[in-house]
Every structure is written in C-alpha cells, then in structure tokens.
Amino acid sequence: MGQCQTCFHFSADPLCEICRDQKRNQGLLCVVADSRDLLALERTREYRGFYHVLGGLISPMDGIGPEVLQISSLVQRVDHDDISEVILALTPSVEGDTTSLYLARLLKPFTKVTRIAYGLPVGSELEYADEVTLTRALEGRRAME
C-alpha cells in the first residue's frame, strides 16, 4: 500500500478515493497528523472537504522537525489551490499545539486557519476532568441555538 500523491493518506492508487471525490467541498482542507485521524473524522460523516496528512507532529525531543513532515507540500497546496479555510485537527498535546502554532503562522498569509474545538467527551463528569480540558471547553464554547 502506498500514499496518495495529493493528501498522503494510504492509497493503492496515485490518488485516494477522497481526493478523487468531486462532490467534496473544494475550498476546505483539514490537516491531520496521520491516517487514523483522517479515518476518525470520516466516520462522523460530517466533514465533506479534503484532507492533508502530515505524517506526524513536530517533536524536537524525538528529532521530528518540520522538514520531516509533509508541511512544505501543505503550504504549496494552500498557495496553489483555491482553499478558503484550513482546519487544523491535531491532537491536544504539546506536540499538537506546537505543530498547530507553526502551521497557523505559515498558512495565515494564504487563507483562513481554524482549529477544531477541544473539550469534554460526551458522558464524562466535570469533577474528573483536568484543568486544561476544562479551560479549553470554556474557551471553545458557542451560543445555544
């Protein structure tokens, strides 16, 4: 099994099934660390844009810098394609936050950059949530409709 030439998701063909789907929103690009994250988002059946798989997260402690990841290809994609929004869907960790900040700085000159909200999982109890999760849940709040 190889990789898609466009998004770097697993694919036996030069372009994966998602990148070949012309019914998807051409202006949306969701950035994920790996194909497992892409598959998790696809299971929701809510997101109908395209993806870009980085192949990991920036982690200087592990010797993973931006040059090891699919970041230059992401910047080229955003620069050349008509992308109206890049959604950063990276793990809420030190490495995920570092990578998100780095990407936001690179991509903001080209397009709108957003990040998925973080907060409490469904069915959890507030009293058992850590401070960072509660803080992010408060920061990511939105109006009741």
N, C-alpha and C. Protein backbone atom coordinates (compact mmCIF):
# COMPACT_ATOMS: atom_id res chain seq x y z
N MET A 1 0.85 -1.19 0.00
CA MET A 1 0.00 0.00 0.00
C MET A 1 0.89 1.24 0.00
N GLY A 2 0.54 2.21 -0.82
CA GLY A 2 1.30 3.44 -0.92
C GLY A 2 0.57 4.61 -0.30
N GLN A 3 0.93 5.79 -0.77
CA GLN A 3 0.32 7.02 -0.30
C GLN A 3 -0.27 7.78 -1.47
N CYS A 4 -1.34 8.52 -1.19
CA CYS A 4 -1.93 9.43 -2.16
C CYS A 4 -0.91 10.53 -2.46
N GLN A 5 -0.75 10.86 -3.72
CA GLN A 5 0.20 11.90 -4.12
C GLN A 5 -0.23 13.30 -3.70
N THR A 6 -1.52 13.47 -3.40
CA THR A 6 -2.03 14.79 -3.03
C THR A 6 -2.10 14.99 -1.52
N CYS A 7 -2.75 14.04 -0.82
CA CYS A 7 -3.01 14.24 0.61
C CYS A 7 -2.15 13.39 1.52
N PHE A 8 -1.46 12.37 0.99
CA PHE A 8 -0.57 11.48 1.74
C PHE A 8 -1.30 10.49 2.64
N HIS A 9 -2.60 10.28 2.37
CA HIS A 9 -3.38 9.24 3.03
C HIS A 9 -3.00 7.91 2.36
N PHE A 10 -3.23 6.80 3.05
CA PHE A 10 -2.96 5.49 2.45
C PHE A 10 -3.78 5.32 1.18
N SER A 11 -3.15 4.79 0.15
CA SER A 11 -3.86 4.58 -1.11
C SER A 11 -3.08 3.62 -1.98
N ALA A 12 -3.80 2.73 -2.64
CA ALA A 12 -3.16 1.83 -3.61
C ALA A 12 -3.01 2.51 -4.96
N ASP A 13 -3.76 3.59 -5.15
CA ASP A 13 -3.73 4.35 -6.41
C ASP A 13 -2.98 5.66 -6.21
N PRO A 14 -2.60 6.33 -7.30
CA PRO A 14 -1.91 7.62 -7.17
C PRO A 14 -2.74 8.66 -6.40
N LEU A 15 -4.07 8.63 -6.58
CA LEU A 15 -4.97 9.50 -5.81
C LEU A 15 -5.92 8.63 -5.01
N CYS A 16 -6.10 8.98 -3.73
CA CYS A 16 -7.00 8.21 -2.89
C CYS A 16 -8.46 8.48 -3.27
N GLU A 17 -9.34 7.70 -2.72
CA GLU A 17 -10.77 7.82 -3.01
C GLU A 17 -11.31 9.19 -2.62
N ILE A 18 -10.82 9.75 -1.52
CA ILE A 18 -11.29 11.06 -1.06
C ILE A 18 -10.85 12.15 -2.04
N CYS A 19 -9.61 12.13 -2.46
CA CYS A 19 -9.12 13.15 -3.39
C CYS A 19 -9.76 13.05 -4.77
N ARG A 20 -10.26 11.88 -5.12
CA ARG A 20 -10.95 11.71 -6.41
C ARG A 20 -12.42 12.14 -6.35
N ASP A 21 -12.95 12.35 -5.15
CA ASP A 21 -14.38 12.66 -4.97
C ASP A 21 -14.67 14.13 -5.30
N GLN A 22 -15.24 14.38 -6.47
CA GLN A 22 -15.52 15.75 -6.92
C GLN A 22 -16.71 16.39 -6.20
N LYS A 23 -17.45 15.62 -5.41
CA LYS A 23 -18.60 16.16 -4.67
C LYS A 23 -18.18 16.83 -3.37
N ARG A 24 -16.94 16.68 -2.99
CA ARG A 24 -16.46 17.29 -1.75
C ARG A 24 -16.25 18.79 -1.92
N ASN A 25 -16.25 19.50 -0.80
CA ASN A 25 -16.05 20.95 -0.79
C ASN A 25 -14.58 21.24 -1.13
N GLN A 26 -14.36 21.80 -2.32
CA GLN A 26 -13.01 22.07 -2.83
C GLN A 26 -12.26 23.11 -2.00
N GLY A 27 -12.97 23.95 -1.26
CA GLY A 27 -12.33 25.04 -0.52
C GLY A 27 -11.93 24.70 0.89
N LEU A 28 -12.30 23.50 1.38
CA LEU A 28 -11.98 23.10 2.75
C LEU A 28 -10.85 22.09 2.77
N LEU A 29 -9.89 22.31 3.64
CA LEU A 29 -8.77 21.39 3.79
C LEU A 29 -8.52 21.16 5.27
N CYS A 30 -8.65 19.92 5.70
CA CYS A 30 -8.46 19.54 7.09
C CYS A 30 -7.09 18.87 7.24
N VAL A 31 -6.27 19.40 8.13
CA VAL A 31 -4.93 18.89 8.36
C VAL A 31 -4.95 17.95 9.56
N VAL A 32 -4.47 16.72 9.36
CA VAL A 32 -4.40 15.72 10.42
C VAL A 32 -2.97 15.19 10.53
N ALA A 33 -2.65 14.59 11.68
CA ALA A 33 -1.31 14.05 11.89
C ALA A 33 -1.09 12.77 11.10
N ASP A 34 -2.10 11.88 11.10
CA ASP A 34 -1.93 10.60 10.41
C ASP A 34 -3.27 10.09 9.87
N SER A 35 -3.20 9.01 9.15
CA SER A 35 -4.40 8.45 8.50
C SER A 35 -5.45 7.97 9.50
N ARG A 36 -5.03 7.55 10.68
CA ARG A 36 -6.01 7.16 11.71
C ARG A 36 -6.92 8.33 12.07
N ASP A 37 -6.35 9.52 12.16
CA ASP A 37 -7.14 10.71 12.48
C ASP A 37 -8.11 11.02 11.33
N LEU A 38 -7.64 10.89 10.11
CA LEU A 38 -8.49 11.09 8.94
C LEU A 38 -9.68 10.13 8.98
N LEU A 39 -9.41 8.87 9.24
CA LEU A 39 -10.49 7.87 9.28
C LEU A 39 -11.48 8.16 10.40
N ALA A 40 -11.00 8.66 11.54
CA ALA A 40 -11.89 9.02 12.65
C ALA A 40 -12.83 10.16 12.23
N LEU A 41 -12.30 11.15 11.54
CA LEU A 41 -13.14 12.26 11.08
C LEU A 41 -14.12 11.80 10.02
N GLU A 42 -13.70 10.91 9.15
CA GLU A 42 -14.60 10.39 8.11
C GLU A 42 -15.76 9.62 8.73
N ARG A 43 -15.52 8.93 9.84
CA ARG A 43 -16.59 8.17 10.50
C ARG A 43 -17.73 9.06 10.98
N THR A 44 -17.45 10.34 11.23
CA THR A 44 -18.51 11.24 11.69
C THR A 44 -19.51 11.55 10.58
N ARG A 45 -19.08 11.42 9.34
CA ARG A 45 -19.88 11.76 8.16
C ARG A 45 -20.33 13.23 8.14
N GLU A 46 -19.63 14.07 8.88
CA GLU A 46 -19.95 15.50 8.95
C GLU A 46 -19.05 16.35 8.07
N TYR A 47 -17.81 15.98 7.95
CA TYR A 47 -16.84 16.76 7.20
C TYR A 47 -16.84 16.31 5.75
N ARG A 48 -17.00 17.26 4.83
CA ARG A 48 -17.09 16.93 3.40
C ARG A 48 -16.04 17.66 2.56
N GLY A 49 -14.95 18.06 3.19
CA GLY A 49 -13.86 18.68 2.45
C GLY A 49 -12.75 17.68 2.19
N PHE A 50 -11.57 18.18 1.93
CA PHE A 50 -10.40 17.35 1.66
C PHE A 50 -9.47 17.33 2.86
N TYR A 51 -8.45 16.50 2.80
CA TYR A 51 -7.52 16.32 3.91
C TYR A 51 -6.08 16.51 3.46
N HIS A 52 -5.22 16.70 4.45
CA HIS A 52 -3.77 16.67 4.25
C HIS A 52 -3.17 15.97 5.47
N VAL A 53 -2.49 14.85 5.23
CA VAL A 53 -1.89 14.06 6.30
C VAL A 53 -0.42 14.46 6.46
N LEU A 54 -0.07 14.96 7.64
CA LEU A 54 1.29 15.44 7.88
C LEU A 54 2.31 14.32 8.03
N GLY A 55 1.87 13.18 8.55
CA GLY A 55 2.81 12.09 8.81
C GLY A 55 3.44 12.18 10.19
N GLY A 56 2.79 12.91 11.09
CA GLY A 56 3.28 13.05 12.46
C GLY A 56 3.11 14.47 12.96
N LEU A 57 3.74 14.76 14.08
CA LEU A 57 3.70 16.08 14.69
C LEU A 57 5.12 16.55 14.99
N ILE A 58 5.33 17.85 15.01
CA ILE A 58 6.63 18.39 15.36
C ILE A 58 6.96 17.99 16.79
N SER A 59 8.12 17.37 16.98
CA SER A 59 8.55 16.91 18.31
C SER A 59 10.07 16.95 18.39
N PRO A 60 10.64 18.09 18.76
CA PRO A 60 12.10 18.20 18.82
C PRO A 60 12.74 17.16 19.72
N MET A 61 12.05 16.77 20.79
CA MET A 61 12.61 15.76 21.71
C MET A 61 12.80 14.40 21.01
N ASP A 62 11.96 14.15 20.00
CA ASP A 62 12.05 12.89 19.24
C ASP A 62 12.78 13.07 17.92
N GLY A 63 13.35 14.25 17.70
CA GLY A 63 14.08 14.51 16.46
C GLY A 63 13.19 14.72 15.25
N ILE A 64 11.92 15.09 15.49
CA ILE A 64 10.99 15.32 14.38
C ILE A 64 10.79 16.83 14.21
N GLY A 65 11.38 17.36 13.18
CA GLY A 65 11.23 18.77 12.86
C GLY A 65 10.29 18.95 11.69
N PRO A 66 9.96 20.18 11.34
CA PRO A 66 9.03 20.45 10.24
C PRO A 66 9.47 19.85 8.91
N GLU A 67 10.78 19.75 8.69
CA GLU A 67 11.29 19.25 7.42
C GLU A 67 11.01 17.76 7.22
N VAL A 68 10.72 17.03 8.28
CA VAL A 68 10.45 15.60 8.20
C VAL A 68 8.98 15.34 7.82
N LEU A 69 8.12 16.30 8.10
CA LEU A 69 6.69 16.16 7.86
C LEU A 69 6.29 16.72 6.50
N GLN A 70 5.05 16.47 6.10
CA GLN A 70 4.52 16.94 4.81
C GLN A 70 4.01 18.38 4.94
N ILE A 71 4.88 19.27 5.41
CA ILE A 71 4.48 20.66 5.63
C ILE A 71 4.72 21.50 4.39
N SER A 72 5.84 21.33 3.71
CA SER A 72 6.09 22.14 2.51
C SER A 72 5.04 21.82 1.43
N SER A 73 4.64 20.55 1.33
CA SER A 73 3.60 20.20 0.36
C SER A 73 2.25 20.81 0.75
N LEU A 74 2.00 20.94 2.04
CA LEU A 74 0.77 21.59 2.52
C LEU A 74 0.76 23.06 2.12
N VAL A 75 1.85 23.75 2.36
CA VAL A 75 1.94 25.17 2.01
C VAL A 75 1.77 25.35 0.50
N GLN A 76 2.39 24.50 -0.31
CA GLN A 76 2.24 24.58 -1.76
C GLN A 76 0.79 24.37 -2.16
N ARG A 77 0.14 23.40 -1.53
CA ARG A 77 -1.27 23.11 -1.84
C ARG A 77 -2.16 24.31 -1.55
N VAL A 78 -1.97 24.89 -0.38
CA VAL A 78 -2.79 26.04 0.02
C VAL A 78 -2.50 27.24 -0.87
N ASP A 79 -1.26 27.41 -1.25
CA ASP A 79 -0.86 28.53 -2.11
C ASP A 79 -1.42 28.38 -3.52
N HIS A 80 -1.42 27.16 -4.08
CA HIS A 80 -1.81 26.97 -5.47
C HIS A 80 -3.29 26.65 -5.66
N ASP A 81 -3.92 25.97 -4.69
CA ASP A 81 -5.33 25.63 -4.82
C ASP A 81 -6.18 26.75 -4.24
N ASP A 82 -7.44 26.72 -4.53
CA ASP A 82 -8.36 27.75 -4.05
C ASP A 82 -8.95 27.30 -2.70
N ILE A 83 -8.12 27.32 -1.66
CA ILE A 83 -8.52 26.87 -0.33
C ILE A 83 -9.02 28.08 0.46
N SER A 84 -10.28 28.03 0.90
CA SER A 84 -10.84 29.15 1.65
C SER A 84 -10.65 28.99 3.16
N GLU A 85 -10.43 27.74 3.61
CA GLU A 85 -10.20 27.51 5.04
C GLU A 85 -9.38 26.24 5.25
N VAL A 86 -8.40 26.35 6.13
CA VAL A 86 -7.64 25.19 6.59
C VAL A 86 -8.05 24.94 8.03
N ILE A 87 -8.49 23.70 8.29
CA ILE A 87 -8.90 23.30 9.63
C ILE A 87 -7.80 22.43 10.22
N LEU A 88 -7.23 22.87 11.33
CA LEU A 88 -6.19 22.09 11.98
C LEU A 88 -6.86 21.14 12.97
N ALA A 89 -6.77 19.85 12.70
CA ALA A 89 -7.37 18.82 13.55
C ALA A 89 -6.25 17.97 14.14
N LEU A 90 -5.47 18.59 15.02
CA LEU A 90 -4.32 17.93 15.61
C LEU A 90 -4.55 17.67 17.09
N THR A 91 -3.91 16.64 17.59
CA THR A 91 -4.07 16.21 18.98
C THR A 91 -3.79 17.35 19.97
N PRO A 92 -4.62 17.46 21.00
CA PRO A 92 -4.38 18.49 22.02
C PRO A 92 -3.25 18.05 22.96
N SER A 93 -2.03 18.23 22.52
CA SER A 93 -0.83 17.87 23.28
C SER A 93 0.21 18.95 23.02
N VAL A 94 1.33 18.87 23.71
CA VAL A 94 2.41 19.84 23.48
C VAL A 94 2.83 19.80 22.01
N GLU A 95 3.00 18.58 21.46
CA GLU A 95 3.40 18.44 20.06
C GLU A 95 2.32 18.94 19.11
N GLY A 96 1.06 18.64 19.42
CA GLY A 96 -0.05 19.10 18.59
C GLY A 96 -0.19 20.60 18.60
N ASP A 97 -0.03 21.19 19.79
CA ASP A 97 -0.12 22.65 19.91
C ASP A 97 1.04 23.32 19.19
N THR A 98 2.24 22.77 19.33
CA THR A 98 3.42 23.32 18.65
C THR A 98 3.23 23.28 17.14
N THR A 99 2.78 22.13 16.64
CA THR A 99 2.56 21.98 15.20
C THR A 99 1.46 22.92 14.72
N SER A 100 0.39 23.05 15.48
CA SER A 100 -0.71 23.95 15.10
C SER A 100 -0.25 25.40 15.03
N LEU A 101 0.51 25.84 16.02
CA LEU A 101 1.00 27.22 16.01
C LEU A 101 1.94 27.46 14.83
N TYR A 102 2.80 26.50 14.56
CA TYR A 102 3.74 26.60 13.44
C TYR A 102 2.98 26.69 12.11
N LEU A 103 2.00 25.81 11.93
CA LEU A 103 1.22 25.80 10.69
C LEU A 103 0.39 27.06 10.53
N ALA A 104 -0.22 27.51 11.62
CA ALA A 104 -1.04 28.73 11.55
C ALA A 104 -0.20 29.91 11.07
N ARG A 105 1.02 30.01 11.60
CA ARG A 105 1.91 31.10 11.21
C ARG A 105 2.26 31.02 9.72
N LEU A 106 2.48 29.80 9.22
CA LEU A 106 2.83 29.62 7.81
C LEU A 106 1.65 29.87 6.87
N LEU A 107 0.45 29.46 7.28
CA LEU A 107 -0.70 29.45 6.38
C LEU A 107 -1.56 30.71 6.40
N LYS A 108 -1.51 31.48 7.49
CA LYS A 108 -2.37 32.67 7.60
C LYS A 108 -2.20 33.67 6.45
N PRO A 109 -1.01 33.83 5.86
CA PRO A 109 -0.90 34.75 4.72
C PRO A 109 -1.72 34.30 3.50
N PHE A 110 -2.08 33.01 3.44
CA PHE A 110 -2.76 32.47 2.27
C PHE A 110 -4.26 32.31 2.44
N THR A 111 -4.71 32.00 3.66
CA THR A 111 -6.12 31.64 3.84
C THR A 111 -6.52 31.72 5.31
N LYS A 112 -7.79 31.51 5.57
CA LYS A 112 -8.31 31.44 6.94
C LYS A 112 -7.84 30.12 7.57
N VAL A 113 -7.36 30.19 8.81
CA VAL A 113 -6.90 29.00 9.52
C VAL A 113 -7.71 28.87 10.80
N THR A 114 -8.33 27.70 11.00
CA THR A 114 -9.10 27.44 12.22
C THR A 114 -8.57 26.16 12.86
N ARG A 115 -9.01 25.94 14.08
CA ARG A 115 -8.62 24.73 14.80
C ARG A 115 -9.87 24.12 15.41
N ILE A 116 -9.94 22.78 15.41
CA ILE A 116 -11.11 22.14 15.99
C ILE A 116 -11.18 22.48 17.48
N ALA A 117 -12.40 22.50 18.01
CA ALA A 117 -12.60 22.78 19.43
C ALA A 117 -12.23 21.56 20.26
N TYR A 118 -11.78 21.81 21.46
CA TYR A 118 -11.46 20.74 22.39
C TYR A 118 -12.31 20.92 23.62
N GLY A 119 -12.63 19.84 24.27
CA GLY A 119 -13.42 19.95 25.47
C GLY A 119 -13.70 18.60 26.07
N LEU A 120 -14.86 18.48 26.66
CA LEU A 120 -15.22 17.28 27.40
C LEU A 120 -15.86 16.24 26.50
N PRO A 121 -15.49 14.97 26.69
CA PRO A 121 -16.16 13.93 25.92
C PRO A 121 -17.59 13.73 26.42
N VAL A 122 -18.46 13.30 25.54
CA VAL A 122 -19.85 13.05 25.90
C VAL A 122 -19.91 11.97 26.97
N GLY A 123 -20.70 12.22 28.00
CA GLY A 123 -20.88 11.24 29.07
C GLY A 123 -19.87 11.37 30.20
N SER A 124 -18.96 12.33 30.11
CA SER A 124 -17.96 12.47 31.18
C SER A 124 -18.49 13.35 32.30
N GLU A 125 -17.84 13.30 33.42
CA GLU A 125 -18.22 14.09 34.59
C GLU A 125 -17.23 15.25 34.75
N LEU A 126 -17.75 16.45 35.01
CA LEU A 126 -16.90 17.63 35.18
C LEU A 126 -15.87 17.43 36.29
N GLU A 127 -16.27 16.82 37.38
CA GLU A 127 -15.38 16.70 38.54
C GLU A 127 -14.12 15.88 38.23
N TYR A 128 -14.15 15.05 37.20
CA TYR A 128 -13.00 14.22 36.87
C TYR A 128 -12.14 14.80 35.74
N ALA A 129 -12.57 15.89 35.16
CA ALA A 129 -11.83 16.49 34.06
C ALA A 129 -10.65 17.30 34.59
N ASP A 130 -9.54 17.28 33.85
CA ASP A 130 -8.37 18.06 34.25
C ASP A 130 -8.58 19.53 33.91
N GLU A 131 -7.73 20.38 34.47
CA GLU A 131 -7.87 21.83 34.30
C GLU A 131 -7.71 22.28 32.85
N VAL A 132 -6.78 21.67 32.12
CA VAL A 132 -6.55 22.06 30.73
C VAL A 132 -7.79 21.75 29.89
N THR A 133 -8.37 20.58 30.07
CA THR A 133 -9.57 20.20 29.33
C THR A 133 -10.72 21.13 29.64
N LEU A 134 -10.91 21.45 30.92
CA LEU A 134 -11.98 22.37 31.31
C LEU A 134 -11.75 23.77 30.75
N THR A 135 -10.51 24.23 30.77
CA THR A 135 -10.19 25.55 30.21
C THR A 135 -10.50 25.59 28.72
N ARG A 136 -10.09 24.55 28.00
CA ARG A 136 -10.36 24.51 26.56
C ARG A 136 -11.85 24.38 26.27
N ALA A 137 -12.56 23.67 27.11
CA ALA A 137 -14.02 23.56 26.93
C ALA A 137 -14.67 24.93 27.11
N LEU A 138 -14.20 25.71 28.07
CA LEU A 138 -14.75 27.05 28.27
C LEU A 138 -14.37 27.97 27.11
N GLU A 139 -13.15 27.91 26.67
CA GLU A 139 -12.70 28.75 25.56
C GLU A 139 -13.42 28.41 24.26
N GLY A 140 -13.76 27.14 24.07
CA GLY A 140 -14.40 26.71 22.82
C GLY A 140 -15.91 26.74 22.86
N ARG A 141 -16.47 27.40 23.87
CA ARG A 141 -17.94 27.42 23.99
C ARG A 141 -18.54 28.20 22.84
N ARG A 142 -19.81 27.91 22.54
CA ARG A 142 -20.53 28.63 21.49
C ARG A 142 -21.97 28.84 21.92
N ALA A 143 -22.64 29.72 21.23
CA ALA A 143 -24.01 30.09 21.58
C ALA A 143 -24.96 28.92 21.39
N MET A 144 -25.95 28.84 22.25
CA MET A 144 -27.00 27.83 22.12
C MET A 144 -27.94 28.26 21.00
N GLU A 145 -28.32 27.33 20.16
CA GLU A 145 -29.19 27.67 19.04
C GLU A 145 -30.59 27.19 19.29
